[in-house]
């Protein structure tokens, strides 16, 4: 992941990835 992005964005990306993985 890009560390340049803010932590909030990182969390959202992580959540989305987790949801996609779960699905």
PDB file of N, CA and C in Angstrom:
ATOM      1  N   UNK A   1       0.835  -1.208   0.000  1.00  0.00           N
ATOM      2  CA  UNK A   1       0.000   0.000   0.000  1.00  0.00           C
ATOM      3  C   UNK A   1       0.869   1.258   0.000  1.00  0.00           C
ATOM      4  N   UNK A   2       0.313   2.348  -0.442  1.00  0.00           N
ATOM      5  CA  UNK A   2       1.078   3.600  -0.486  1.00  0.00           C
ATOM      6  C   UNK A   2       1.062   4.270   0.888  1.00  0.00           C
ATOM      7  N   UNK A   3       2.234   4.437   1.480  1.00  0.00           N
ATOM      8  CA  UNK A   3       2.319   5.044   2.811  1.00  0.00           C
ATOM      9  C   UNK A   3       2.034   6.540   2.744  1.00  0.00           C
ATOM     10  N   UNK A   4       2.138   7.105   1.542  1.00  0.00           N
ATOM     11  CA  UNK A   4       1.910   8.547   1.381  1.00  0.00           C
ATOM     12  C   UNK A   4       0.456   8.896   1.708  1.00  0.00           C
ATOM     13  N   UNK A   5      -0.437   7.948   1.499  1.00  0.00           N
ATOM     14  CA  UNK A   5      -1.847   8.207   1.780  1.00  0.00           C
ATOM     15  C   UNK A   5      -2.071   8.310   3.281  1.00  0.00           C
ATOM     16  N   UNK A   6      -3.068   9.079   3.683  1.00  0.00           N
ATOM     17  CA  UNK A   6      -3.376   9.256   5.107  1.00  0.00           C
ATOM     18  C   UNK A   6      -3.828   7.943   5.734  1.00  0.00           C
ATOM     19  N   UNK A   7      -3.729   7.832   7.070  1.00  0.00           N
ATOM     20  CA  UNK A   7      -4.118   6.608   7.783  1.00  0.00           C
ATOM     21  C   UNK A   7      -5.583   6.266   7.565  1.00  0.00           C
ATOM     22  N   UNK A   8      -6.418   7.298   7.477  1.00  0.00           N
ATOM     23  CA  UNK A   8      -7.858   7.068   7.289  1.00  0.00           C
ATOM     24  C   UNK A   8      -8.084   6.325   5.973  1.00  0.00           C
ATOM     25  N   UNK A   9      -7.392   6.774   4.944  1.00  0.00           N
ATOM     26  CA  UNK A   9      -7.548   6.148   3.630  1.00  0.00           C
ATOM     27  C   UNK A   9      -7.057   4.700   3.701  1.00  0.00           C
ATOM     28  N   UNK A  10      -5.955   4.509   4.403  1.00  0.00           N
ATOM     29  CA  UNK A  10      -5.379   3.173   4.532  1.00  0.00           C
ATOM     30  C   UNK A  10      -6.387   2.240   5.206  1.00  0.00           C
ATOM     31  N   UNK A  11      -7.021   2.740   6.260  1.00  0.00           N
ATOM     32  CA  UNK A  11      -8.002   1.927   6.987  1.00  0.00           C
ATOM     33  C   UNK A  11      -9.159   1.554   6.069  1.00  0.00           C
ATOM     34  N   UNK A  12      -9.609   2.525   5.279  1.00  0.00           N
ATOM     35  CA  UNK A  12     -10.727   2.269   4.365  1.00  0.00           C
ATOM     36  C   UNK A  12     -10.329   1.205   3.355  1.00  0.00           C
ATOM     37  N   UNK A  13      -9.128   1.343   2.808  1.00  0.00           N
ATOM     38  CA  UNK A  13      -8.639   0.380   1.815  1.00  0.00           C
ATOM     39  C   UNK A  13      -8.571  -1.003   2.452  1.00  0.00           C
ATOM     40  N   UNK A  14      -8.081  -1.055   3.689  1.00  0.00           N
ATOM     41  CA  UNK A  14      -7.961  -2.328   4.389  1.00  0.00           C
ATOM     42  C   UNK A  14      -9.340  -2.938   4.594  1.00  0.00           C
ATOM     43  N   UNK A  15     -10.289  -2.120   5.024  1.00  0.00           N
ATOM     44  CA  UNK A  15     -11.656  -2.595   5.266  1.00  0.00           C
ATOM     45  C   UNK A  15     -12.253  -3.130   3.971  1.00  0.00           C
ATOM     46  N   UNK A  16     -12.057  -2.387   2.884  1.00  0.00           N
ATOM     47  CA  UNK A  16     -12.610  -2.808   1.593  1.00  0.00           C
ATOM     48  C   UNK A  16     -11.981  -4.127   1.167  1.00  0.00           C
ATOM     49  N   UNK A  17     -10.683  -4.228   1.322  1.00  0.00           N
ATOM     50  CA  UNK A  17      -9.972  -5.452   0.950  1.00  0.00           C
ATOM     51  C   UNK A  17     -10.478  -6.622   1.777  1.00  0.00           C
ATOM     52  N   UNK A  18     -10.697  -6.368   3.061  1.00  0.00           N
ATOM     53  CA  UNK A  18     -11.172  -7.431   3.949  1.00  0.00           C
ATOM     54  C   UNK A  18     -12.567  -7.884   3.504  1.00  0.00           C
ATOM     55  N   UNK A  19     -13.426  -6.915   3.177  1.00  0.00           N
ATOM     56  CA  UNK A  19     -14.791  -7.229   2.753  1.00  0.00           C
ATOM     57  C   UNK A  19     -14.743  -8.038   1.464  1.00  0.00           C
ATOM     58  N   UNK A  20     -13.885  -7.622   0.536  1.00  0.00           N
ATOM     59  CA  UNK A  20     -13.771  -8.326  -0.735  1.00  0.00           C
ATOM     60  C   UNK A  20     -13.280  -9.747  -0.502  1.00  0.00           C
ATOM     61  N   UNK A  21     -12.332  -9.885   0.422  1.00  0.00           N
ATOM     62  CA  UNK A  21     -11.771 -11.203   0.715  1.00  0.00           C
ATOM     63  C   UNK A  21     -12.848 -12.088   1.346  1.00  0.00           C
ATOM     64  N   UNK A  22     -13.647 -11.485   2.223  1.00  0.00           N
ATOM     65  CA  UNK A  22     -14.708 -12.225   2.901  1.00  0.00           C
ATOM     66  C   UNK A  22     -15.733 -12.695   1.878  1.00  0.00           C
ATOM     67  N   UNK A  23     -16.027 -11.808   0.921  1.00  0.00           N
ATOM     68  CA  UNK A  23     -17.005 -12.142  -0.111  1.00  0.00           C
ATOM     69  C   UNK A  23     -16.385 -13.171  -1.035  1.00  0.00           C
TER      70      UNK A  23
END
